[in-house]
Amino acid sequence: IPVVPGQISVSADGTVSVNGAITGKIKLVDFKPGAALESAGKNYYTAPKDAEIPAAKAELREGMLESSNVNPIASAVDLITVQRYSDLMQRALSLFDSQFNKIATEDLPRIG
């Protein structure tokens, strides 16, 4: 989009204006579920041409900062929960391994 010196504004539909004159439009798209996005370096991604569909609920807001789509507190709680389940599973497998080895070394020789 060519930008000449002046007051730049961006509307919610992606239209870019300089001093009130339209200079271009930012394309807003969504991607089909399962679209294979490929890294194009740094923070850029590309998608196959047939993967894009017009964005239904997207809009641009000039001068705004994008916020995270994740609740950090809920994510931290989920991470702690998963870590505890992992620890419990590790203990259960360790106990099973110990009992299995005990049976293999003590009880199986008596059977044979």
N, C-alpha and C. Protein backbone atom coordinates (compact mmCIF):
# COMPACT_ATOMS: atom_id res chain seq x y z
N ILE A 1 0.86 -1.17 0.00
CA ILE A 1 0.00 0.00 0.00
C ILE A 1 0.91 1.23 0.00
N PRO A 2 0.82 2.05 -1.02
CA PRO A 2 1.64 3.27 -1.04
C PRO A 2 1.12 4.28 -0.02
N VAL A 3 2.01 4.76 0.80
CA VAL A 3 1.61 5.74 1.82
C VAL A 3 2.41 7.01 1.60
N VAL A 4 1.69 8.10 1.36
CA VAL A 4 2.33 9.41 1.20
C VAL A 4 2.26 10.13 2.53
N PRO A 5 3.08 11.14 2.72
CA PRO A 5 3.03 11.88 3.99
C PRO A 5 1.64 12.46 4.24
N GLY A 6 1.20 12.36 5.47
CA GLY A 6 -0.10 12.90 5.84
C GLY A 6 -0.73 12.09 6.96
N GLN A 7 -1.97 12.42 7.27
CA GLN A 7 -2.73 11.76 8.33
C GLN A 7 -3.24 10.41 7.82
N ILE A 8 -2.73 9.33 8.41
CA ILE A 8 -3.13 7.98 7.99
C ILE A 8 -4.26 7.49 8.90
N SER A 9 -5.26 6.88 8.28
CA SER A 9 -6.34 6.27 9.07
C SER A 9 -6.69 4.92 8.44
N VAL A 10 -7.12 4.00 9.30
CA VAL A 10 -7.52 2.67 8.87
C VAL A 10 -8.92 2.41 9.40
N SER A 11 -9.85 2.06 8.51
CA SER A 11 -11.23 1.80 8.94
C SER A 11 -11.38 0.34 9.36
N ALA A 12 -12.50 0.01 9.94
CA ALA A 12 -12.75 -1.34 10.47
C ALA A 12 -12.74 -2.40 9.37
N ASP A 13 -13.06 -2.02 8.13
CA ASP A 13 -13.06 -3.01 7.05
C ASP A 13 -11.69 -3.14 6.37
N GLY A 14 -10.68 -2.39 6.85
CA GLY A 14 -9.34 -2.50 6.32
C GLY A 14 -8.96 -1.43 5.31
N THR A 15 -9.85 -0.48 5.05
CA THR A 15 -9.55 0.59 4.09
C THR A 15 -8.54 1.55 4.70
N VAL A 16 -7.44 1.79 3.96
CA VAL A 16 -6.38 2.69 4.41
C VAL A 16 -6.53 4.00 3.66
N SER A 17 -6.57 5.11 4.42
CA SER A 17 -6.71 6.44 3.83
C SER A 17 -5.59 7.34 4.31
N VAL A 18 -5.15 8.24 3.43
CA VAL A 18 -4.18 9.26 3.79
C VAL A 18 -4.80 10.61 3.45
N ASN A 19 -4.95 11.45 4.46
CA ASN A 19 -5.60 12.76 4.31
C ASN A 19 -6.99 12.62 3.70
N GLY A 20 -7.71 11.56 4.05
CA GLY A 20 -9.08 11.36 3.57
C GLY A 20 -9.17 10.67 2.23
N ALA A 21 -8.07 10.48 1.53
CA ALA A 21 -8.09 9.81 0.22
C ALA A 21 -7.71 8.33 0.40
N ILE A 22 -8.50 7.46 -0.18
CA ILE A 22 -8.25 6.02 -0.06
C ILE A 22 -6.99 5.66 -0.85
N THR A 23 -6.06 4.97 -0.17
CA THR A 23 -4.82 4.56 -0.83
C THR A 23 -4.71 3.05 -0.97
N GLY A 24 -5.54 2.31 -0.30
CA GLY A 24 -5.49 0.85 -0.41
C GLY A 24 -6.41 0.19 0.59
N LYS A 25 -6.39 -1.12 0.59
CA LYS A 25 -7.23 -1.88 1.51
C LYS A 25 -6.48 -3.10 1.99
N ILE A 26 -6.52 -3.34 3.30
CA ILE A 26 -5.93 -4.53 3.90
C ILE A 26 -6.95 -5.65 3.80
N LYS A 27 -6.52 -6.77 3.27
CA LYS A 27 -7.42 -7.91 3.07
C LYS A 27 -7.57 -8.67 4.39
N LEU A 28 -8.81 -8.84 4.83
CA LEU A 28 -9.11 -9.58 6.06
C LEU A 28 -9.68 -10.95 5.67
N VAL A 29 -8.99 -12.01 6.08
CA VAL A 29 -9.44 -13.36 5.74
C VAL A 29 -9.35 -14.28 6.94
N ASP A 30 -10.12 -15.35 6.88
CA ASP A 30 -10.00 -16.48 7.79
C ASP A 30 -9.46 -17.63 6.96
N PHE A 31 -9.13 -18.72 7.61
CA PHE A 31 -8.65 -19.89 6.90
C PHE A 31 -9.56 -21.07 7.19
N LYS A 32 -9.73 -21.91 6.20
CA LYS A 32 -10.55 -23.11 6.37
C LYS A 32 -9.95 -23.97 7.48
N PRO A 33 -10.79 -24.68 8.24
CA PRO A 33 -10.26 -25.57 9.28
C PRO A 33 -9.28 -26.58 8.67
N GLY A 34 -8.16 -26.75 9.35
CA GLY A 34 -7.16 -27.70 8.90
C GLY A 34 -6.25 -27.18 7.81
N ALA A 35 -6.35 -25.88 7.49
CA ALA A 35 -5.48 -25.32 6.46
C ALA A 35 -4.03 -25.40 6.92
N ALA A 36 -3.17 -25.82 6.02
CA ALA A 36 -1.75 -26.00 6.35
C ALA A 36 -1.01 -24.68 6.19
N LEU A 37 -0.86 -23.95 7.30
CA LEU A 37 -0.09 -22.71 7.27
C LEU A 37 1.39 -23.06 7.35
N GLU A 38 2.20 -22.39 6.55
CA GLU A 38 3.64 -22.65 6.53
C GLU A 38 4.39 -21.41 6.96
N SER A 39 5.45 -21.61 7.73
CA SER A 39 6.27 -20.50 8.19
C SER A 39 6.97 -19.87 7.00
N ALA A 40 6.91 -18.53 6.94
CA ALA A 40 7.58 -17.78 5.88
C ALA A 40 8.69 -16.92 6.48
N GLY A 41 9.13 -17.28 7.68
CA GLY A 41 10.19 -16.53 8.34
C GLY A 41 9.66 -15.61 9.40
N LYS A 42 10.40 -15.50 10.48
CA LYS A 42 10.06 -14.67 11.63
C LYS A 42 8.61 -14.91 12.04
N ASN A 43 7.76 -13.90 11.99
CA ASN A 43 6.36 -14.03 12.42
C ASN A 43 5.39 -14.08 11.25
N TYR A 44 5.87 -14.48 10.07
CA TYR A 44 5.03 -14.51 8.88
C TYR A 44 4.66 -15.94 8.51
N TYR A 45 3.44 -16.11 8.02
CA TYR A 45 2.97 -17.42 7.60
C TYR A 45 2.28 -17.28 6.25
N THR A 46 2.30 -18.36 5.48
CA THR A 46 1.58 -18.39 4.20
C THR A 46 0.63 -19.57 4.23
N ALA A 47 -0.40 -19.47 3.40
CA ALA A 47 -1.38 -20.55 3.29
C ALA A 47 -1.67 -20.78 1.82
N PRO A 48 -2.11 -21.97 1.47
CA PRO A 48 -2.51 -22.22 0.09
C PRO A 48 -3.62 -21.25 -0.32
N LYS A 49 -3.66 -20.88 -1.59
CA LYS A 49 -4.65 -19.89 -2.05
C LYS A 49 -6.09 -20.35 -1.83
N ASP A 50 -6.35 -21.63 -1.93
CA ASP A 50 -7.71 -22.12 -1.74
C ASP A 50 -8.11 -22.22 -0.27
N ALA A 51 -7.19 -21.91 0.65
CA ALA A 51 -7.47 -22.05 2.09
C ALA A 51 -8.13 -20.82 2.68
N GLU A 52 -8.05 -19.68 2.00
CA GLU A 52 -8.60 -18.46 2.60
C GLU A 52 -10.07 -18.27 2.23
N ILE A 53 -10.81 -17.77 3.22
CA ILE A 53 -12.22 -17.43 3.04
C ILE A 53 -12.43 -16.03 3.62
N PRO A 54 -13.40 -15.29 3.13
CA PRO A 54 -13.62 -13.94 3.67
C PRO A 54 -13.90 -13.98 5.17
N ALA A 55 -13.28 -13.07 5.89
CA ALA A 55 -13.46 -13.01 7.35
C ALA A 55 -14.86 -12.52 7.67
N ALA A 56 -15.57 -13.30 8.47
CA ALA A 56 -16.95 -12.96 8.81
C ALA A 56 -17.04 -12.00 9.99
N LYS A 57 -16.22 -12.21 11.01
CA LYS A 57 -16.34 -11.42 12.23
C LYS A 57 -15.10 -10.59 12.53
N ALA A 58 -14.19 -10.48 11.58
CA ALA A 58 -12.94 -9.74 11.83
C ALA A 58 -13.11 -8.27 11.50
N GLU A 59 -12.42 -7.45 12.26
CA GLU A 59 -12.39 -6.02 11.96
C GLU A 59 -11.08 -5.45 12.48
N LEU A 60 -10.63 -4.40 11.83
CA LEU A 60 -9.42 -3.72 12.26
C LEU A 60 -9.80 -2.55 13.15
N ARG A 61 -8.94 -2.26 14.10
CA ARG A 61 -9.15 -1.09 14.95
C ARG A 61 -7.85 -0.33 15.02
N GLU A 62 -7.87 0.85 14.52
CA GLU A 62 -6.68 1.68 14.48
C GLU A 62 -6.26 2.10 15.88
N GLY A 63 -4.97 1.99 16.16
CA GLY A 63 -4.41 2.44 17.43
C GLY A 63 -4.65 1.51 18.61
N MET A 64 -5.16 0.32 18.36
CA MET A 64 -5.45 -0.62 19.44
C MET A 64 -4.34 -1.66 19.54
N LEU A 65 -4.17 -2.21 20.72
CA LEU A 65 -3.23 -3.30 20.92
C LEU A 65 -4.03 -4.59 21.02
N GLU A 66 -3.52 -5.62 20.37
CA GLU A 66 -4.19 -6.91 20.41
C GLU A 66 -3.90 -7.58 21.74
N SER A 67 -4.94 -8.12 22.35
CA SER A 67 -4.73 -8.82 23.61
C SER A 67 -4.64 -10.31 23.35
N SER A 68 -4.19 -11.02 24.34
CA SER A 68 -4.04 -12.46 24.22
C SER A 68 -5.41 -13.12 24.18
N ASN A 69 -5.49 -14.25 23.48
CA ASN A 69 -6.74 -15.00 23.46
C ASN A 69 -6.73 -16.11 24.51
N VAL A 70 -5.81 -15.98 25.48
CA VAL A 70 -5.67 -16.97 26.54
C VAL A 70 -5.77 -16.27 27.90
N ASN A 71 -6.51 -16.87 28.80
CA ASN A 71 -6.58 -16.36 30.17
C ASN A 71 -5.36 -16.90 30.91
N PRO A 72 -4.41 -16.05 31.29
CA PRO A 72 -3.17 -16.55 31.90
C PRO A 72 -3.38 -17.28 33.22
N ILE A 73 -4.34 -16.85 34.01
CA ILE A 73 -4.59 -17.50 35.31
C ILE A 73 -5.16 -18.90 35.09
N ALA A 74 -6.15 -19.02 34.22
CA ALA A 74 -6.73 -20.34 33.94
C ALA A 74 -5.69 -21.26 33.31
N SER A 75 -4.83 -20.72 32.46
CA SER A 75 -3.79 -21.54 31.83
C SER A 75 -2.78 -22.02 32.86
N ALA A 76 -2.42 -21.17 33.81
CA ALA A 76 -1.49 -21.58 34.87
C ALA A 76 -2.11 -22.68 35.74
N VAL A 77 -3.38 -22.54 36.07
CA VAL A 77 -4.07 -23.56 36.86
C VAL A 77 -4.13 -24.88 36.08
N ASP A 78 -4.45 -24.80 34.78
CA ASP A 78 -4.49 -26.01 33.96
C ASP A 78 -3.12 -26.67 33.89
N LEU A 79 -2.07 -25.87 33.76
CA LEU A 79 -0.71 -26.41 33.70
C LEU A 79 -0.34 -27.12 35.00
N ILE A 80 -0.68 -26.52 36.13
CA ILE A 80 -0.41 -27.16 37.43
C ILE A 80 -1.20 -28.46 37.57
N THR A 81 -2.45 -28.46 37.12
CA THR A 81 -3.27 -29.67 37.18
C THR A 81 -2.67 -30.78 36.34
N VAL A 82 -2.26 -30.46 35.13
CA VAL A 82 -1.66 -31.46 34.25
C VAL A 82 -0.35 -31.98 34.85
N GLN A 83 0.42 -31.09 35.45
CA GLN A 83 1.68 -31.50 36.08
C GLN A 83 1.42 -32.46 37.24
N ARG A 84 0.40 -32.19 38.03
CA ARG A 84 0.06 -33.09 39.15
C ARG A 84 -0.41 -34.45 38.65
N TYR A 85 -1.23 -34.45 37.59
CA TYR A 85 -1.67 -35.73 37.01
C TYR A 85 -0.47 -36.50 36.48
N SER A 86 0.46 -35.80 35.88
CA SER A 86 1.67 -36.44 35.36
C SER A 86 2.48 -37.06 36.50
N ASP A 87 2.64 -36.32 37.59
CA ASP A 87 3.36 -36.86 38.75
C ASP A 87 2.66 -38.09 39.32
N LEU A 88 1.33 -38.04 39.42
CA LEU A 88 0.58 -39.20 39.93
C LEU A 88 0.74 -40.40 39.01
N MET A 89 0.70 -40.16 37.70
CA MET A 89 0.85 -41.25 36.75
C MET A 89 2.26 -41.85 36.85
N GLN A 90 3.26 -40.99 37.03
CA GLN A 90 4.63 -41.46 37.17
C GLN A 90 4.77 -42.33 38.43
N ARG A 91 4.17 -41.90 39.52
CA ARG A 91 4.22 -42.70 40.76
C ARG A 91 3.53 -44.04 40.59
N ALA A 92 2.37 -44.03 39.92
CA ALA A 92 1.63 -45.28 39.71
C ALA A 92 2.43 -46.23 38.84
N LEU A 93 3.05 -45.73 37.78
CA LEU A 93 3.86 -46.59 36.92
C LEU A 93 5.09 -47.11 37.65
N SER A 94 5.68 -46.27 38.49
CA SER A 94 6.84 -46.70 39.28
C SER A 94 6.44 -47.80 40.25
N LEU A 95 5.30 -47.65 40.90
CA LEU A 95 4.81 -48.67 41.83
C LEU A 95 4.51 -49.97 41.08
N PHE A 96 3.87 -49.85 39.93
CA PHE A 96 3.59 -51.04 39.11
C PHE A 96 4.88 -51.74 38.71
N ASP A 97 5.88 -50.95 38.29
CA ASP A 97 7.17 -51.52 37.89
C ASP A 97 7.83 -52.23 39.06
N SER A 98 7.78 -51.62 40.25
CA SER A 98 8.38 -52.25 41.44
C SER A 98 7.69 -53.57 41.77
N GLN A 99 6.35 -53.57 41.74
CA GLN A 99 5.60 -54.79 42.05
C GLN A 99 5.85 -55.86 40.99
N PHE A 100 5.92 -55.45 39.74
CA PHE A 100 6.17 -56.40 38.65
C PHE A 100 7.55 -57.04 38.81
N ASN A 101 8.54 -56.21 39.13
CA ASN A 101 9.89 -56.75 39.34
C ASN A 101 9.95 -57.67 40.54
N LYS A 102 9.21 -57.35 41.60
CA LYS A 102 9.18 -58.19 42.79
C LYS A 102 8.59 -59.55 42.46
N ILE A 103 7.50 -59.53 41.73
CA ILE A 103 6.85 -60.79 41.34
C ILE A 103 7.80 -61.60 40.45
N ALA A 104 8.46 -60.90 39.52
CA ALA A 104 9.35 -61.59 38.58
C ALA A 104 10.54 -62.21 39.29
N THR A 105 11.05 -61.54 40.32
CA THR A 105 12.25 -62.06 40.99
C THR A 105 11.93 -63.00 42.14
N GLU A 106 10.79 -62.85 42.80
CA GLU A 106 10.51 -63.67 43.99
C GLU A 106 9.50 -64.78 43.72
N ASP A 107 8.43 -64.48 43.04
CA ASP A 107 7.36 -65.45 42.91
C ASP A 107 7.52 -66.38 41.69
N LEU A 108 7.97 -65.89 40.58
CA LEU A 108 8.10 -66.73 39.39
C LEU A 108 9.08 -67.87 39.56
N PRO A 109 10.23 -67.68 40.23
CA PRO A 109 11.13 -68.84 40.41
C PRO A 109 10.48 -69.99 41.19
N ARG A 110 9.56 -69.70 42.09
CA ARG A 110 8.90 -70.75 42.87
C ARG A 110 7.93 -71.56 42.02
N ILE A 111 7.36 -70.92 40.99
CA ILE A 111 6.39 -71.61 40.14
C ILE A 111 7.10 -72.62 39.26
N GLY A 112 8.26 -72.26 38.71
CA GLY A 112 8.98 -73.10 37.76
C GLY A 112 9.66 -74.20 38.44
